[in-house]
Amino acid sequence: MHVLWTHGEASVRQITTVLASEYNLALTTVQTTTRILADKGYVAFSKQGRALIYRPLISKRAAQASALKSLLGGLFDGSPGALAQHLLETDALSKDDITALRGMLEKETKGDTS
């Protein structure tokens, strides 16, 4: 999906080429993955010559929201607080991350009058 979000559209061969520097994936693996994404409605494709050109149907933001909802429900009993606590306890957040989050929380709570 990252390749499609970055490039807008790409063939299986183009996706494989972009990913080759970081991952050792066979063309057939990428082909299977793009077909599954199409079956699930995350990407669409059109035919250009002999190649299928894929394009994203879901934004990165929407995919992140869906994945986070699934993660929260499956591992943290639907509790964003439990996820945040886990991130803090496992040192997954840097000092900069914590400072940024603190600023967002302060900004958010200033509008809360309850």
N, C-alpha and C. Protein backbone atom coordinates (compact mmCIF):
# COMPACT_ATOMS: atom_id res chain seq x y z
N MET A 1 0.83 -1.19 0.00
CA MET A 1 0.00 0.00 0.00
C MET A 1 0.87 1.25 0.00
N HIS A 2 2.00 1.20 0.71
CA HIS A 2 2.86 2.39 0.78
C HIS A 2 3.33 2.81 -0.61
N VAL A 3 3.65 1.83 -1.44
CA VAL A 3 4.09 2.15 -2.80
C VAL A 3 2.96 2.81 -3.56
N LEU A 4 1.77 2.29 -3.43
CA LEU A 4 0.63 2.87 -4.15
C LEU A 4 0.28 4.25 -3.62
N TRP A 5 0.34 4.44 -2.31
CA TRP A 5 0.07 5.77 -1.75
C TRP A 5 1.12 6.77 -2.23
N THR A 6 2.36 6.34 -2.34
CA THR A 6 3.44 7.23 -2.77
C THR A 6 3.39 7.52 -4.27
N HIS A 7 3.17 6.48 -5.06
CA HIS A 7 3.23 6.62 -6.51
C HIS A 7 1.87 6.84 -7.18
N GLY A 8 0.80 6.64 -6.45
CA GLY A 8 -0.54 6.81 -7.02
C GLY A 8 -1.05 5.57 -7.71
N GLU A 9 -0.23 4.96 -8.53
CA GLU A 9 -0.58 3.70 -9.18
C GLU A 9 0.71 3.01 -9.62
N ALA A 10 0.62 1.69 -9.76
CA ALA A 10 1.81 0.93 -10.15
C ALA A 10 1.40 -0.49 -10.53
N SER A 11 2.24 -1.09 -11.37
CA SER A 11 2.05 -2.50 -11.72
C SER A 11 2.71 -3.36 -10.65
N VAL A 12 2.44 -4.65 -10.69
CA VAL A 12 3.07 -5.58 -9.75
C VAL A 12 4.59 -5.53 -9.92
N ARG A 13 5.06 -5.47 -11.14
CA ARG A 13 6.51 -5.41 -11.39
C ARG A 13 7.11 -4.12 -10.80
N GLN A 14 6.41 -3.00 -10.97
CA GLN A 14 6.90 -1.73 -10.40
C GLN A 14 6.92 -1.78 -8.88
N ILE A 15 5.88 -2.34 -8.29
CA ILE A 15 5.83 -2.45 -6.83
C ILE A 15 6.99 -3.32 -6.35
N THR A 16 7.20 -4.45 -7.01
CA THR A 16 8.29 -5.36 -6.64
C THR A 16 9.64 -4.66 -6.75
N THR A 17 9.84 -3.88 -7.79
CA THR A 17 11.11 -3.16 -7.99
C THR A 17 11.34 -2.14 -6.88
N VAL A 18 10.29 -1.39 -6.51
CA VAL A 18 10.43 -0.40 -5.44
C VAL A 18 10.75 -1.08 -4.12
N LEU A 19 10.13 -2.21 -3.85
CA LEU A 19 10.33 -2.90 -2.58
C LEU A 19 11.62 -3.72 -2.54
N ALA A 20 12.23 -3.97 -3.69
CA ALA A 20 13.40 -4.85 -3.77
C ALA A 20 14.58 -4.38 -2.93
N SER A 21 14.76 -3.07 -2.78
CA SER A 21 15.90 -2.58 -2.00
C SER A 21 15.78 -2.89 -0.51
N GLU A 22 14.53 -3.07 -0.05
CA GLU A 22 14.31 -3.31 1.38
C GLU A 22 13.87 -4.74 1.69
N TYR A 23 13.17 -5.35 0.75
CA TYR A 23 12.60 -6.68 0.97
C TYR A 23 12.96 -7.60 -0.19
N ASN A 24 13.16 -8.85 0.10
CA ASN A 24 13.44 -9.84 -0.93
C ASN A 24 12.14 -10.56 -1.25
N LEU A 25 11.31 -9.95 -2.08
CA LEU A 25 10.00 -10.50 -2.39
C LEU A 25 9.96 -11.01 -3.82
N ALA A 26 9.35 -12.16 -4.00
CA ALA A 26 9.14 -12.68 -5.35
C ALA A 26 7.99 -11.93 -6.00
N LEU A 27 8.04 -11.83 -7.31
CA LEU A 27 6.98 -11.17 -8.06
C LEU A 27 5.63 -11.82 -7.76
N THR A 28 5.61 -13.14 -7.62
CA THR A 28 4.36 -13.85 -7.35
C THR A 28 3.79 -13.50 -5.97
N THR A 29 4.67 -13.20 -5.01
CA THR A 29 4.21 -12.79 -3.68
C THR A 29 3.50 -11.46 -3.75
N VAL A 30 4.08 -10.52 -4.47
CA VAL A 30 3.47 -9.19 -4.64
C VAL A 30 2.17 -9.33 -5.43
N GLN A 31 2.17 -10.20 -6.42
CA GLN A 31 0.98 -10.43 -7.23
C GLN A 31 -0.17 -10.97 -6.36
N THR A 32 0.14 -11.94 -5.52
CA THR A 32 -0.88 -12.50 -4.63
C THR A 32 -1.40 -11.45 -3.65
N THR A 33 -0.48 -10.66 -3.09
CA THR A 33 -0.86 -9.63 -2.13
C THR A 33 -1.76 -8.57 -2.77
N THR A 34 -1.41 -8.13 -3.98
CA THR A 34 -2.23 -7.11 -4.65
C THR A 34 -3.60 -7.68 -5.00
N ARG A 35 -3.67 -8.95 -5.37
CA ARG A 35 -4.96 -9.58 -5.68
C ARG A 35 -5.83 -9.63 -4.41
N ILE A 36 -5.23 -9.97 -3.27
CA ILE A 36 -5.97 -10.00 -2.01
C ILE A 36 -6.46 -8.61 -1.65
N LEU A 37 -5.60 -7.60 -1.82
CA LEU A 37 -6.01 -6.21 -1.54
C LEU A 37 -7.16 -5.80 -2.44
N ALA A 38 -7.13 -6.22 -3.69
CA ALA A 38 -8.23 -5.91 -4.62
C ALA A 38 -9.52 -6.62 -4.19
N ASP A 39 -9.40 -7.89 -3.80
CA ASP A 39 -10.57 -8.66 -3.34
C ASP A 39 -11.21 -8.02 -2.11
N LYS A 40 -10.39 -7.42 -1.25
CA LYS A 40 -10.89 -6.79 -0.03
C LYS A 40 -11.37 -5.36 -0.27
N GLY A 41 -11.18 -4.84 -1.48
CA GLY A 41 -11.65 -3.50 -1.80
C GLY A 41 -10.71 -2.38 -1.42
N TYR A 42 -9.45 -2.70 -1.14
CA TYR A 42 -8.48 -1.67 -0.78
C TYR A 42 -7.81 -1.04 -2.00
N VAL A 43 -7.75 -1.80 -3.10
CA VAL A 43 -7.17 -1.29 -4.34
C VAL A 43 -8.08 -1.66 -5.51
N ALA A 44 -7.94 -0.90 -6.59
CA ALA A 44 -8.61 -1.21 -7.84
C ALA A 44 -7.52 -1.41 -8.88
N PHE A 45 -7.88 -2.04 -9.98
CA PHE A 45 -6.89 -2.23 -11.03
C PHE A 45 -7.53 -2.05 -12.40
N SER A 46 -6.68 -1.68 -13.35
CA SER A 46 -7.09 -1.60 -14.75
C SER A 46 -6.00 -2.27 -15.57
N LYS A 47 -6.37 -2.71 -16.73
CA LYS A 47 -5.42 -3.42 -17.58
C LYS A 47 -4.75 -2.44 -18.53
N GLN A 48 -3.44 -2.49 -18.59
CA GLN A 48 -2.65 -1.71 -19.55
C GLN A 48 -1.77 -2.69 -20.30
N GLY A 49 -2.15 -3.03 -21.51
CA GLY A 49 -1.43 -4.07 -22.22
C GLY A 49 -1.63 -5.39 -21.50
N ARG A 50 -0.52 -6.02 -21.14
CA ARG A 50 -0.62 -7.29 -20.40
C ARG A 50 -0.55 -7.08 -18.90
N ALA A 51 -0.25 -5.86 -18.46
CA ALA A 51 -0.06 -5.61 -17.02
C ALA A 51 -1.33 -5.07 -16.38
N LEU A 52 -1.49 -5.40 -15.11
CA LEU A 52 -2.55 -4.80 -14.30
C LEU A 52 -1.93 -3.63 -13.54
N ILE A 53 -2.58 -2.50 -13.61
CA ILE A 53 -2.10 -1.31 -12.91
C ILE A 53 -3.02 -1.09 -11.71
N TYR A 54 -2.43 -1.11 -10.52
CA TYR A 54 -3.19 -0.99 -9.28
C TYR A 54 -3.16 0.45 -8.77
N ARG A 55 -4.24 0.86 -8.13
CA ARG A 55 -4.32 2.17 -7.48
C ARG A 55 -5.08 2.03 -6.17
N PRO A 56 -4.72 2.80 -5.17
CA PRO A 56 -5.38 2.66 -3.86
C PRO A 56 -6.81 3.20 -3.89
N LEU A 57 -7.69 2.53 -3.18
CA LEU A 57 -9.06 3.00 -3.01
C LEU A 57 -9.30 3.54 -1.61
N ILE A 58 -8.37 3.28 -0.73
CA ILE A 58 -8.48 3.72 0.66
C ILE A 58 -7.26 4.61 0.96
N SER A 59 -7.48 5.70 1.65
CA SER A 59 -6.38 6.60 1.98
C SER A 59 -5.53 5.98 3.10
N LYS A 60 -4.33 6.47 3.22
CA LYS A 60 -3.44 6.00 4.29
C LYS A 60 -4.07 6.29 5.65
N ARG A 61 -4.67 7.46 5.78
CA ARG A 61 -5.31 7.86 7.04
C ARG A 61 -6.45 6.90 7.42
N ALA A 62 -7.27 6.54 6.43
CA ALA A 62 -8.38 5.62 6.68
C ALA A 62 -7.86 4.23 7.04
N ALA A 63 -6.79 3.80 6.38
CA ALA A 63 -6.19 2.50 6.69
C ALA A 63 -5.61 2.49 8.10
N GLN A 64 -4.96 3.59 8.49
CA GLN A 64 -4.41 3.69 9.84
C GLN A 64 -5.52 3.61 10.88
N ALA A 65 -6.61 4.33 10.64
CA ALA A 65 -7.73 4.33 11.58
C ALA A 65 -8.33 2.93 11.72
N SER A 66 -8.48 2.24 10.60
CA SER A 66 -9.04 0.89 10.62
C SER A 66 -8.11 -0.09 11.35
N ALA A 67 -6.82 0.00 11.07
CA ALA A 67 -5.86 -0.89 11.72
C ALA A 67 -5.77 -0.62 13.22
N LEU A 68 -5.80 0.65 13.59
CA LEU A 68 -5.73 1.00 15.00
C LEU A 68 -6.98 0.52 15.75
N LYS A 69 -8.14 0.67 15.11
CA LYS A 69 -9.39 0.19 15.73
C LYS A 69 -9.32 -1.32 15.96
N SER A 70 -8.79 -2.03 14.99
CA SER A 70 -8.65 -3.48 15.12
C SER A 70 -7.64 -3.85 16.21
N LEU A 71 -6.52 -3.14 16.23
CA LEU A 71 -5.49 -3.37 17.26
C LEU A 71 -6.03 -3.10 18.66
N LEU A 72 -6.72 -1.97 18.82
CA LEU A 72 -7.29 -1.63 20.13
C LEU A 72 -8.29 -2.68 20.59
N GLY A 73 -9.17 -3.07 19.66
CA GLY A 73 -10.19 -4.05 20.01
C GLY A 73 -9.62 -5.42 20.33
N GLY A 74 -8.62 -5.83 19.56
CA GLY A 74 -8.07 -7.17 19.71
C GLY A 74 -7.08 -7.33 20.84
N LEU A 75 -6.29 -6.31 21.11
CA LEU A 75 -5.21 -6.47 22.09
C LEU A 75 -5.35 -5.61 23.34
N PHE A 76 -6.16 -4.57 23.27
CA PHE A 76 -6.22 -3.63 24.39
C PHE A 76 -7.66 -3.39 24.88
N ASP A 77 -8.53 -4.36 24.63
CA ASP A 77 -9.93 -4.29 25.08
C ASP A 77 -10.61 -2.99 24.69
N GLY A 78 -10.22 -2.43 23.55
CA GLY A 78 -10.85 -1.20 23.07
C GLY A 78 -10.40 0.05 23.79
N SER A 79 -9.37 -0.03 24.61
CA SER A 79 -8.95 1.09 25.44
C SER A 79 -7.71 1.80 24.89
N PRO A 80 -7.87 3.03 24.37
CA PRO A 80 -6.70 3.80 23.95
C PRO A 80 -5.74 4.04 25.12
N GLY A 81 -6.26 4.20 26.33
CA GLY A 81 -5.43 4.40 27.51
C GLY A 81 -4.53 3.21 27.77
N ALA A 82 -5.06 2.00 27.57
CA ALA A 82 -4.25 0.79 27.76
C ALA A 82 -3.12 0.73 26.74
N LEU A 83 -3.40 1.15 25.52
CA LEU A 83 -2.36 1.19 24.49
C LEU A 83 -1.29 2.22 24.87
N ALA A 84 -1.71 3.40 25.28
CA ALA A 84 -0.75 4.44 25.68
C ALA A 84 0.11 3.96 26.85
N GLN A 85 -0.53 3.33 27.83
CA GLN A 85 0.21 2.82 28.98
C GLN A 85 1.24 1.78 28.54
N HIS A 86 0.85 0.90 27.62
CA HIS A 86 1.77 -0.11 27.10
C HIS A 86 2.96 0.55 26.40
N LEU A 87 2.70 1.55 25.60
CA LEU A 87 3.78 2.25 24.90
C LEU A 87 4.75 2.91 25.87
N LEU A 88 4.21 3.47 26.94
CA LEU A 88 5.07 4.10 27.95
C LEU A 88 5.89 3.06 28.72
N GLU A 89 5.25 1.98 29.10
CA GLU A 89 5.91 0.95 29.91
C GLU A 89 6.98 0.18 29.14
N THR A 90 6.85 0.11 27.82
CA THR A 90 7.81 -0.67 27.02
C THR A 90 8.87 0.22 26.38
N ASP A 91 8.94 1.47 26.80
CA ASP A 91 9.92 2.42 26.26
C ASP A 91 9.82 2.55 24.74
N ALA A 92 8.61 2.40 24.20
CA ALA A 92 8.41 2.53 22.76
C ALA A 92 8.37 3.99 22.32
N LEU A 93 8.19 4.89 23.29
CA LEU A 93 8.12 6.32 22.97
C LEU A 93 9.40 7.02 23.38
N SER A 94 9.91 7.86 22.50
CA SER A 94 11.10 8.65 22.83
C SER A 94 10.66 9.85 23.68
N LYS A 95 11.62 10.53 24.25
CA LYS A 95 11.33 11.76 25.02
C LYS A 95 10.63 12.78 24.12
N ASP A 96 11.08 12.88 22.86
CA ASP A 96 10.44 13.80 21.91
C ASP A 96 8.98 13.41 21.65
N ASP A 97 8.72 12.11 21.52
CA ASP A 97 7.35 11.63 21.33
C ASP A 97 6.48 12.03 22.52
N ILE A 98 7.00 11.82 23.72
CA ILE A 98 6.26 12.12 24.95
C ILE A 98 5.99 13.62 25.04
N THR A 99 6.98 14.43 24.73
CA THR A 99 6.81 15.89 24.76
C THR A 99 5.73 16.32 23.76
N ALA A 100 5.78 15.76 22.56
CA ALA A 100 4.78 16.09 21.54
C ALA A 100 3.39 15.67 21.98
N LEU A 101 3.27 14.48 22.54
CA LEU A 101 1.97 13.99 23.02
C LEU A 101 1.45 14.86 24.17
N ARG A 102 2.35 15.24 25.08
CA ARG A 102 1.96 16.09 26.20
C ARG A 102 1.38 17.41 25.67
N GLY A 103 2.03 17.98 24.67
CA GLY A 103 1.54 19.22 24.08
C GLY A 103 0.17 19.05 23.45
N MET A 104 -0.03 17.94 22.74
CA MET A 104 -1.34 17.66 22.13
C MET A 104 -2.41 17.48 23.19
N LEU A 105 -2.08 16.76 24.27
CA LEU A 105 -3.04 16.54 25.34
C LEU A 105 -3.41 17.85 26.04
N GLU A 106 -2.42 18.69 26.29
CA GLU A 106 -2.69 19.98 26.92
C GLU A 106 -3.58 20.85 26.04
N LYS A 107 -3.30 20.84 24.75
CA LYS A 107 -4.12 21.62 23.80
C LYS A 107 -5.55 21.10 23.78
N GLU A 108 -5.67 19.77 23.78
CA GLU A 108 -6.98 19.13 23.73
C GLU A 108 -7.79 19.40 25.01
N THR A 109 -7.14 19.37 26.17
CA THR A 109 -7.86 19.54 27.42
C THR A 109 -8.20 21.01 27.70
N LYS A 110 -7.52 21.94 27.06
CA LYS A 110 -7.86 23.36 27.25
C LYS A 110 -9.26 23.65 26.73
N GLY A 111 -9.71 22.91 25.71
CA GLY A 111 -11.04 23.10 25.18
C GLY A 111 -12.10 22.36 25.96
N ASP A 112 -11.70 21.51 26.90
CA ASP A 112 -12.63 20.71 27.71
C ASP A 112 -13.00 21.49 28.97
N THR A 113 -14.28 21.80 29.12
CA THR A 113 -14.73 22.59 30.28
C THR A 113 -15.42 21.76 31.34
N SER A 114 -15.40 20.43 31.18
CA SER A 114 -16.09 19.59 32.18
C SER A 114 -15.26 19.28 33.38
